[in-house]
Amino acid sequence: METECLSVKQVAERLSLSTATIYRLCAERKLAHVRVGARYGAIRIREQDLQVFLHSCEVRPSASPARLKQK
Protein backbone atom coordinates (compact mmCIF):
# COMPACT_ATOMS: atom_id res chain seq x y z
CA MET A 1 0.00 0.00 0.00
CA GLU A 2 1.60 3.24 -1.16
CA THR A 3 0.71 6.51 0.55
CA GLU A 4 1.83 9.82 -0.83
CA CYS A 5 3.11 12.17 1.84
CA LEU A 6 3.44 15.90 1.33
CA SER A 7 5.75 18.35 3.04
CA VAL A 8 4.45 21.40 4.86
CA LYS A 9 5.70 23.54 1.99
CA GLN A 10 3.86 21.44 -0.60
CA VAL A 11 0.60 21.64 1.35
CA ALA A 12 1.01 25.39 1.83
CA GLU A 13 1.56 25.86 -1.90
CA ARG A 14 -1.46 23.72 -2.80
CA LEU A 15 -3.73 25.70 -0.49
CA SER A 16 -2.13 29.10 -1.18
CA LEU A 17 -1.37 29.49 2.51
CA SER A 18 1.81 30.22 4.43
CA THR A 19 3.87 27.42 5.91
CA ALA A 20 3.27 29.06 9.32
CA THR A 21 -0.46 28.45 8.90
CA ILE A 22 0.12 24.78 8.09
CA TYR A 23 2.43 24.40 11.11
CA ARG A 24 -0.24 26.05 13.30
CA LEU A 25 -2.96 23.72 11.99
CA CYS A 26 -0.71 20.76 12.81
CA ALA A 27 0.14 22.13 16.27
CA GLU A 28 -3.56 22.66 17.01
CA ARG A 29 -4.19 19.08 15.82
CA LYS A 30 -6.65 20.29 13.20
CA LEU A 31 -4.61 18.78 10.36
CA ALA A 32 -3.54 15.16 10.81
CA HIS A 33 0.16 14.58 10.18
CA VAL A 34 3.09 12.31 10.94
CA ARG A 35 6.54 13.18 12.19
CA VAL A 36 9.43 11.39 10.53
CA GLY A 37 12.92 11.38 12.01
CA ALA A 38 14.70 11.91 15.31
CA ARG A 39 13.46 14.20 18.07
CA TYR A 40 10.59 16.22 16.66
CA GLY A 41 11.22 15.12 13.08
CA ALA A 42 9.92 16.50 9.82
CA ILE A 43 6.18 16.90 9.42
CA ARG A 44 4.57 14.99 6.57
CA ILE A 45 0.91 15.10 5.65
CA ARG A 46 -0.75 12.17 3.93
CA GLU A 47 -2.77 13.02 0.83
CA GLN A 48 -5.88 11.40 2.31
CA ASP A 49 -5.48 13.38 5.57
CA LEU A 50 -5.33 16.59 3.55
CA GLN A 51 -8.53 15.62 1.74
CA VAL A 52 -10.27 14.84 5.05
CA PHE A 53 -9.18 18.21 6.44
CA LEU A 54 -10.44 20.07 3.38
CA HIS A 55 -13.76 18.25 3.56
CA SER A 56 -14.10 19.23 7.23
CA CYS A 57 -13.59 22.89 6.27
CA GLU A 58 -16.31 22.88 3.66
CA VAL A 59 -18.97 25.53 4.17
CA ARG A 60 -22.34 24.80 2.60
CA PRO A 61 -24.94 27.40 1.71
CA SER A 62 -27.81 27.75 4.12
CA ALA A 63 -30.95 25.74 3.45
CA SER A 64 -33.07 28.86 3.42
CA PRO A 65 -31.76 31.61 1.12
CA ALA A 66 -34.98 33.57 1.79
CA ARG A 67 -33.65 34.49 5.26
CA LEU A 68 -30.79 36.38 3.66
CA LYS A 69 -33.13 38.45 1.46
CA GLN A 70 -35.08 39.81 4.45
CA LYS A 71 -32.28 42.18 5.49
PDB file of N, CA and C in Angstrom:
ATOM      1  N   MET A   1       0.847  -1.182   0.000  1.00  0.00           N
ATOM      2  CA  MET A   1       0.000   0.000   0.000  1.00  0.00           C
ATOM      3  C   MET A   1       0.891   1.242   0.000  1.00  0.00           C
ATOM      4  N   GLU A   2       0.774   2.043  -1.034  1.00  0.00           N
ATOM      5  CA  GLU A   2       1.597   3.236  -1.159  1.00  0.00           C
ATOM      6  C   GLU A   2       0.784   4.465  -0.760  1.00  0.00           C
ATOM      7  N   THR A   3       1.362   5.284   0.097  1.00  0.00           N
ATOM      8  CA  THR A   3       0.709   6.505   0.549  1.00  0.00           C
ATOM      9  C   THR A   3       1.604   7.678   0.222  1.00  0.00           C
ATOM     10  N   GLU A   4       1.043   8.632  -0.514  1.00  0.00           N
ATOM     11  CA  GLU A   4       1.829   9.818  -0.835  1.00  0.00           C
ATOM     12  C   GLU A   4       1.800  10.770   0.350  1.00  0.00           C
ATOM     13  N   CYS A   5       2.983  11.202   0.758  1.00  0.00           N
ATOM     14  CA  CYS A   5       3.105  12.172   1.838  1.00  0.00           C
ATOM     15  C   CYS A   5       3.613  13.485   1.272  1.00  0.00           C
ATOM     16  N   LEU A   6       3.076  14.560   1.786  1.00  0.00           N
ATOM     17  CA  LEU A   6       3.436  15.903   1.334  1.00  0.00           C
ATOM     18  C   LEU A   6       4.163  16.639   2.442  1.00  0.00           C
ATOM     19  N   SER A   7       5.066  17.504   2.058  1.00  0.00           N
ATOM     20  CA  SER A   7       5.748  18.345   3.037  1.00  0.00           C
ATOM     21  C   SER A   7       4.847  19.521   3.396  1.00  0.00           C
ATOM     22  N   VAL A   8       5.200  20.211   4.454  1.00  0.00           N
ATOM     23  CA  VAL A   8       4.450  21.404   4.859  1.00  0.00           C
ATOM     24  C   VAL A   8       4.455  22.427   3.724  1.00  0.00           C
ATOM     25  N   LYS A   9       5.591  22.581   3.094  1.00  0.00           N
ATOM     26  CA  LYS A   9       5.700  23.540   1.992  1.00  0.00           C
ATOM     27  C   LYS A   9       4.783  23.164   0.827  1.00  0.00           C
ATOM     28  N   GLN A  10       4.722  21.882   0.491  1.00  0.00           N
ATOM     29  CA  GLN A  10       3.859  21.438  -0.597  1.00  0.00           C
ATOM     30  C   GLN A  10       2.388  21.692  -0.284  1.00  0.00           C
ATOM     31  N   VAL A  11       1.989  21.410   0.952  1.00  0.00           N
ATOM     32  CA  VAL A  11       0.602  21.642   1.353  1.00  0.00           C
ATOM     33  C   VAL A  11       0.293  23.138   1.325  1.00  0.00           C
ATOM     34  N   ALA A  12       1.212  23.940   1.833  1.00  0.00           N
ATOM     35  CA  ALA A  12       1.012  25.394   1.833  1.00  0.00           C
ATOM     36  C   ALA A  12       0.847  25.912   0.408  1.00  0.00           C
ATOM     37  N   GLU A  13       1.663  25.428  -0.503  1.00  0.00           N
ATOM     38  CA  GLU A  13       1.563  25.864  -1.897  1.00  0.00           C
ATOM     39  C   GLU A  13       0.242  25.431  -2.520  1.00  0.00           C
ATOM     40  N   ARG A  14      -0.185  24.218  -2.254  1.00  0.00           N
ATOM     41  CA  ARG A  14      -1.457  23.722  -2.802  1.00  0.00           C
ATOM     42  C   ARG A  14      -2.640  24.555  -2.342  1.00  0.00           C
ATOM     43  N   LEU A  15      -2.602  24.964  -1.069  1.00  0.00           N
ATOM     44  CA  LEU A  15      -3.729  25.696  -0.490  1.00  0.00           C
ATOM     45  C   LEU A  15      -3.559  27.209  -0.558  1.00  0.00           C
ATOM     46  N   SER A  16      -2.450  27.662  -1.123  1.00  0.00           N
ATOM     47  CA  SER A  16      -2.131  29.100  -1.184  1.00  0.00           C
ATOM     48  C   SER A  16      -2.145  29.726   0.211  1.00  0.00           C
ATOM     49  N   LEU A  17      -1.500  29.027   1.137  1.00  0.00           N
ATOM     50  CA  LEU A  17      -1.366  29.489   2.512  1.00  0.00           C
ATOM     51  C   LEU A  17       0.113  29.557   2.861  1.00  0.00           C
ATOM     52  N   SER A  18       0.416  30.178   3.975  1.00  0.00           N
ATOM     53  CA  SER A  18       1.810  30.215   4.429  1.00  0.00           C
ATOM     54  C   SER A  18       2.153  28.902   5.130  1.00  0.00           C
ATOM     55  N   THR A  19       3.445  28.614   5.179  1.00  0.00           N
ATOM     56  CA  THR A  19       3.870  27.423   5.909  1.00  0.00           C
ATOM     57  C   THR A  19       3.558  27.584   7.395  1.00  0.00           C
ATOM     58  N   ALA A  20       3.597  28.817   7.902  1.00  0.00           N
ATOM     59  CA  ALA A  20       3.275  29.058   9.318  1.00  0.00           C
ATOM     60  C   ALA A  20       1.837  28.630   9.625  1.00  0.00           C
ATOM     61  N   THR A  21       0.932  28.857   8.691  1.00  0.00           N
ATOM     62  CA  THR A  21      -0.461  28.451   8.895  1.00  0.00           C
ATOM     63  C   THR A  21      -0.570  26.935   8.951  1.00  0.00           C
ATOM     64  N   ILE A  22       0.154  26.246   8.089  1.00  0.00           N
ATOM     65  CA  ILE A  22       0.118  24.781   8.091  1.00  0.00           C
ATOM     66  C   ILE A  22       0.719  24.243   9.389  1.00  0.00           C
ATOM     67  N   TYR A  23       1.846  24.819   9.827  1.00  0.00           N
ATOM     68  CA  TYR A  23       2.432  24.398  11.111  1.00  0.00           C
ATOM     69  C   TYR A  23       1.455  24.631  12.259  1.00  0.00           C
ATOM     70  N   ARG A  24       0.733  25.751  12.239  1.00  0.00           N
ATOM     71  CA  ARG A  24      -0.240  26.051  13.296  1.00  0.00           C
ATOM     72  C   ARG A  24      -1.382  25.042  13.284  1.00  0.00           C
ATOM     73  N   LEU A  25      -1.893  24.708  12.091  1.00  0.00           N
ATOM     74  CA  LEU A  25      -2.961  23.716  11.992  1.00  0.00           C
ATOM     75  C   LEU A  25      -2.508  22.366  12.535  1.00  0.00           C
ATOM     76  N   CYS A  26      -1.260  22.014  12.275  1.00  0.00           N
ATOM     77  CA  CYS A  26      -0.714  20.761  12.807  1.00  0.00           C
ATOM     78  C   CYS A  26      -0.567  20.840  14.327  1.00  0.00           C
ATOM     79  N   ALA A  27      -0.055  21.957  14.827  1.00  0.00           N
ATOM     80  CA  ALA A  27       0.143  22.125  16.271  1.00  0.00           C
ATOM     81  C   ALA A  27      -1.189  22.093  17.017  1.00  0.00           C
ATOM     82  N   GLU A  28      -2.223  22.649  16.400  1.00  0.00           N
ATOM     83  CA  GLU A  28      -3.558  22.661  17.010  1.00  0.00           C
ATOM     84  C   GLU A  28      -4.301  21.347  16.784  1.00  0.00           C
ATOM     85  N   ARG A  29      -3.635  20.406  16.122  1.00  0.00           N
ATOM     86  CA  ARG A  29      -4.193  19.080  15.822  1.00  0.00           C
ATOM     87  C   ARG A  29      -5.461  19.156  14.982  1.00  0.00           C
ATOM     88  N   LYS A  30      -5.527  20.156  14.129  1.00  0.00           N
ATOM     89  CA  LYS A  30      -6.648  20.287  13.199  1.00  0.00           C
ATOM     90  C   LYS A  30      -6.341  19.583  11.881  1.00  0.00           C
ATOM     91  N   LEU A  31      -5.063  19.443  11.586  1.00  0.00           N
ATOM     92  CA  LEU A  31      -4.609  18.776  10.361  1.00  0.00           C
ATOM     93  C   LEU A  31      -3.766  17.574  10.765  1.00  0.00           C
ATOM     94  N   ALA A  32      -4.260  16.391  10.452  1.00  0.00           N
ATOM     95  CA  ALA A  32      -3.536  15.163  10.808  1.00  0.00           C
ATOM     96  C   ALA A  32      -2.202  15.120  10.076  1.00  0.00           C
ATOM     97  N   HIS A  33      -1.179  14.634  10.752  1.00  0.00           N
ATOM     98  CA  HIS A  33       0.156  14.585  10.182  1.00  0.00           C
ATOM     99  C   HIS A  33       0.984  13.526  10.890  1.00  0.00           C
ATOM    100  N   VAL A  34       2.130  13.229  10.306  1.00  0.00           N
ATOM    101  CA  VAL A  34       3.090  12.314  10.935  1.00  0.00           C
ATOM    102  C   VAL A  34       4.419  13.040  11.047  1.00  0.00           C
ATOM    103  N   ARG A  35       5.196  12.624  12.033  1.00  0.00           N
ATOM    104  CA  ARG A  35       6.545  13.181  12.188  1.00  0.00           C
ATOM    105  C   ARG A  35       7.526  12.071  11.869  1.00  0.00           C
ATOM    106  N   VAL A  36       8.458  12.374  10.992  1.00  0.00           N
ATOM    107  CA  VAL A  36       9.432  11.392  10.535  1.00  0.00           C
ATOM    108  C   VAL A  36      10.820  11.871  10.934  1.00  0.00           C
ATOM    109  N   GLY A  37      11.559  11.027  11.638  1.00  0.00           N
ATOM    110  CA  GLY A  37      12.923  11.376  12.014  1.00  0.00           C
ATOM    111  C   GLY A  37      13.103  11.501  13.509  1.00  0.00           C
ATOM    112  N   ALA A  38      14.327  11.810  13.900  1.00  0.00           N
ATOM    113  CA  ALA A  38      14.702  11.908  15.309  1.00  0.00           C
ATOM    114  C   ALA A  38      14.114  13.159  15.955  1.00  0.00           C
ATOM    115  N   ARG A  39      14.029  13.116  17.262  1.00  0.00           N
ATOM    116  CA  ARG A  39      13.460  14.199  18.071  1.00  0.00           C
ATOM    117  C   ARG A  39      12.078  14.573  17.567  1.00  0.00           C
ATOM    118  N   TYR A  40      11.909  15.800  17.144  1.00  0.00           N
ATOM    119  CA  TYR A  40      10.594  16.221  16.662  1.00  0.00           C
ATOM    120  C   TYR A  40      10.333  15.764  15.235  1.00  0.00           C
ATOM    121  N   GLY A  41      11.351  15.638  14.425  1.00  0.00           N
ATOM    122  CA  GLY A  41      11.218  15.119  13.076  1.00  0.00           C
ATOM    123  C   GLY A  41      10.514  16.068  12.126  1.00  0.00           C
ATOM    124  N   ALA A  42      10.569  15.713  10.867  1.00  0.00           N
ATOM    125  CA  ALA A  42       9.920  16.502   9.821  1.00  0.00           C
ATOM    126  C   ALA A  42       8.439  16.143   9.772  1.00  0.00           C
ATOM    127  N   ILE A  43       7.615  17.127   9.531  1.00  0.00           N
ATOM    128  CA  ILE A  43       6.177  16.904   9.416  1.00  0.00           C
ATOM    129  C   ILE A  43       5.864  16.492   7.990  1.00  0.00           C
ATOM    130  N   ARG A  44       5.075  15.434   7.862  1.00  0.00           N
ATOM    131  CA  ARG A  44       4.570  14.991   6.571  1.00  0.00           C
ATOM    132  C   ARG A  44       3.070  14.802   6.693  1.00  0.00           C
ATOM    133  N   ILE A  45       2.367  15.179   5.648  1.00  0.00           N
ATOM    134  CA  ILE A  45       0.907  15.104   5.646  1.00  0.00           C
ATOM    135  C   ILE A  45       0.488  14.153   4.533  1.00  0.00           C
ATOM    136  N   ARG A  46      -0.261  13.135   4.912  1.00  0.00           N
ATOM    137  CA  ARG A  46      -0.745  12.167   3.926  1.00  0.00           C
ATOM    138  C   ARG A  46      -1.799  12.841   3.045  1.00  0.00           C
ATOM    139  N   GLU A  47      -1.800  12.469   1.786  1.00  0.00           N
ATOM    140  CA  GLU A  47      -2.771  13.020   0.827  1.00  0.00           C
ATOM    141  C   GLU A  47      -4.204  12.836   1.333  1.00  0.00           C
ATOM    142  N   GLN A  48      -4.517  11.643   1.848  1.00  0.00           N
ATOM    143  CA  GLN A  48      -5.882  11.400   2.311  1.00  0.00           C
ATOM    144  C   GLN A  48      -6.219  12.241   3.545  1.00  0.00           C
ATOM    145  N   ASP A  49      -5.236  12.526   4.402  1.00  0.00           N
ATOM    146  CA  ASP A  49      -5.482  13.384   5.565  1.00  0.00           C
ATOM    147  C   ASP A  49      -5.749  14.819   5.130  1.00  0.00           C
ATOM    148  N   LEU A  50      -5.073  15.257   4.086  1.00  0.00           N
ATOM    149  CA  LEU A  50      -5.327  16.593   3.554  1.00  0.00           C
ATOM    150  C   LEU A  50      -6.749  16.669   3.000  1.00  0.00           C
ATOM    151  N   GLN A  51      -7.171  15.639   2.298  1.00  0.00           N
ATOM    152  CA  GLN A  51      -8.529  15.624   1.744  1.00  0.00           C
ATOM    153  C   GLN A  51      -9.586  15.618   2.845  1.00  0.00           C
ATOM    154  N   VAL A  52      -9.348  14.866   3.911  1.00  0.00           N
ATOM    155  CA  VAL A  52     -10.272  14.840   5.052  1.00  0.00           C
ATOM    156  C   VAL A  52     -10.355  16.228   5.683  1.00  0.00           C
ATOM    157  N   PHE A  53      -9.205  16.868   5.861  1.00  0.00           N
ATOM    158  CA  PHE A  53      -9.177  18.211   6.438  1.00  0.00           C
ATOM    159  C   PHE A  53      -9.972  19.188   5.569  1.00  0.00           C
ATOM    160  N   LEU A  54      -9.732  19.159   4.267  1.00  0.00           N
ATOM    161  CA  LEU A  54     -10.436  20.071   3.376  1.00  0.00           C
ATOM    162  C   LEU A  54     -11.940  19.828   3.410  1.00  0.00           C
ATOM    163  N   HIS A  55     -12.329  18.570   3.468  1.00  0.00           N
ATOM    164  CA  HIS A  55     -13.755  18.247   3.559  1.00  0.00           C
ATOM    165  C   HIS A  55     -14.354  18.795   4.856  1.00  0.00           C
ATOM    166  N   SER A  56     -13.597  18.737   5.940  1.00  0.00           N
ATOM    167  CA  SER A  56     -14.104  19.228   7.234  1.00  0.00           C
ATOM    168  C   SER A  56     -14.231  20.752   7.251  1.00  0.00           C
ATOM    169  N   CYS A  57     -13.539  21.429   6.338  1.00  0.00           N
ATOM    170  CA  CYS A  57     -13.586  22.893   6.269  1.00  0.00           C
ATOM    171  C   CYS A  57     -14.682  23.404   5.337  1.00  0.00           C
ATOM    172  N   GLU A  58     -15.324  22.489   4.663  1.00  0.00           N
ATOM    173  CA  GLU A  58     -16.315  22.883   3.663  1.00  0.00           C
ATOM    174  C   GLU A  58     -17.479  23.631   4.312  1.00  0.00           C
ATOM    175  N   VAL A  59     -17.839  24.732   3.705  1.00  0.00           N
ATOM    176  CA  VAL A  59     -18.973  25.531   4.167  1.00  0.00           C
ATOM    177  C   VAL A  59     -20.057  25.419   3.110  1.00  0.00           C
ATOM    178  N   ARG A  60     -21.208  24.978   3.530  1.00  0.00           N
ATOM    179  CA  ARG A  60     -22.335  24.797   2.604  1.00  0.00           C
ATOM    180  C   ARG A  60     -23.291  25.976   2.732  1.00  0.00           C
ATOM    181  N   PRO A  61     -23.967  26.307   1.640  1.00  0.00           N
ATOM    182  CA  PRO A  61     -24.937  27.398   1.710  1.00  0.00           C
ATOM    183  C   PRO A  61     -26.088  27.020   2.648  1.00  0.00           C
ATOM    184  N   SER A  62     -26.696  28.025   3.208  1.00  0.00           N
ATOM    185  CA  SER A  62     -27.809  27.747   4.125  1.00  0.00           C
ATOM    186  C   SER A  62     -28.972  27.141   3.357  1.00  0.00           C
ATOM    187  N   ALA A  63     -29.811  26.417   4.070  1.00  0.00           N
ATOM    188  CA  ALA A  63     -30.949  25.740   3.453  1.00  0.00           C
ATOM    189  C   ALA A  63     -32.035  26.731   3.057  1.00  0.00           C
ATOM    190  N   SER A  64     -32.011  27.897   3.662  1.00  0.00           N
ATOM    191  CA  SER A  64     -33.072  28.861   3.419  1.00  0.00           C
ATOM    192  C   SER A  64     -32.497  30.189   2.931  1.00  0.00           C
ATOM    193  N   PRO A  65     -32.298  30.354   1.626  1.00  0.00           N
ATOM    194  CA  PRO A  65     -31.763  31.612   1.121  1.00  0.00           C
ATOM    195  C   PRO A  65     -32.726  32.782   1.321  1.00  0.00           C
ATOM    196  N   ALA A  66     -33.999  32.510   1.571  1.00  0.00           N
ATOM    197  CA  ALA A  66     -34.982  33.573   1.789  1.00  0.00           C
ATOM    198  C   ALA A  66     -34.649  34.394   3.029  1.00  0.00           C
ATOM    199  N   ARG A  67     -34.035  33.749   4.039  1.00  0.00           N
ATOM    200  CA  ARG A  67     -33.647  34.489   5.264  1.00  0.00           C
ATOM    201  C   ARG A  67     -32.679  35.603   4.943  1.00  0.00           C
ATOM    202  N   LEU A  68     -31.798  35.375   4.001  1.00  0.00           N
ATOM    203  CA  LEU A  68     -30.794  36.380   3.665  1.00  0.00           C
ATOM    204  C   LEU A  68     -31.415  37.581   2.953  1.00  0.00           C
ATOM    205  N   LYS A  69     -32.483  37.371   2.214  1.00  0.00           N
ATOM    206  CA  LYS A  69     -33.126  38.448   1.458  1.00  0.00           C
ATOM    207  C   LYS A  69     -33.911  39.395   2.347  1.00  0.00           C
ATOM    208  N   GLN A  70     -34.269  38.991   3.560  1.00  0.00           N
ATOM    209  CA  GLN A  70     -35.082  39.813   4.451  1.00  0.00           C
ATOM    210  C   GLN A  70     -34.345  41.023   4.996  1.00  0.00           C
ATOM    211  N   LYS A  71     -33.053  41.067   4.913  1.00  0.00           N
ATOM    212  CA  LYS A  71     -32.284  42.176   5.495  1.00  0.00           C
ATOM    213  C   LYS A  71     -32.500  43.458   4.763  1.00  0.00           C
TER     214      LYS A  71
END
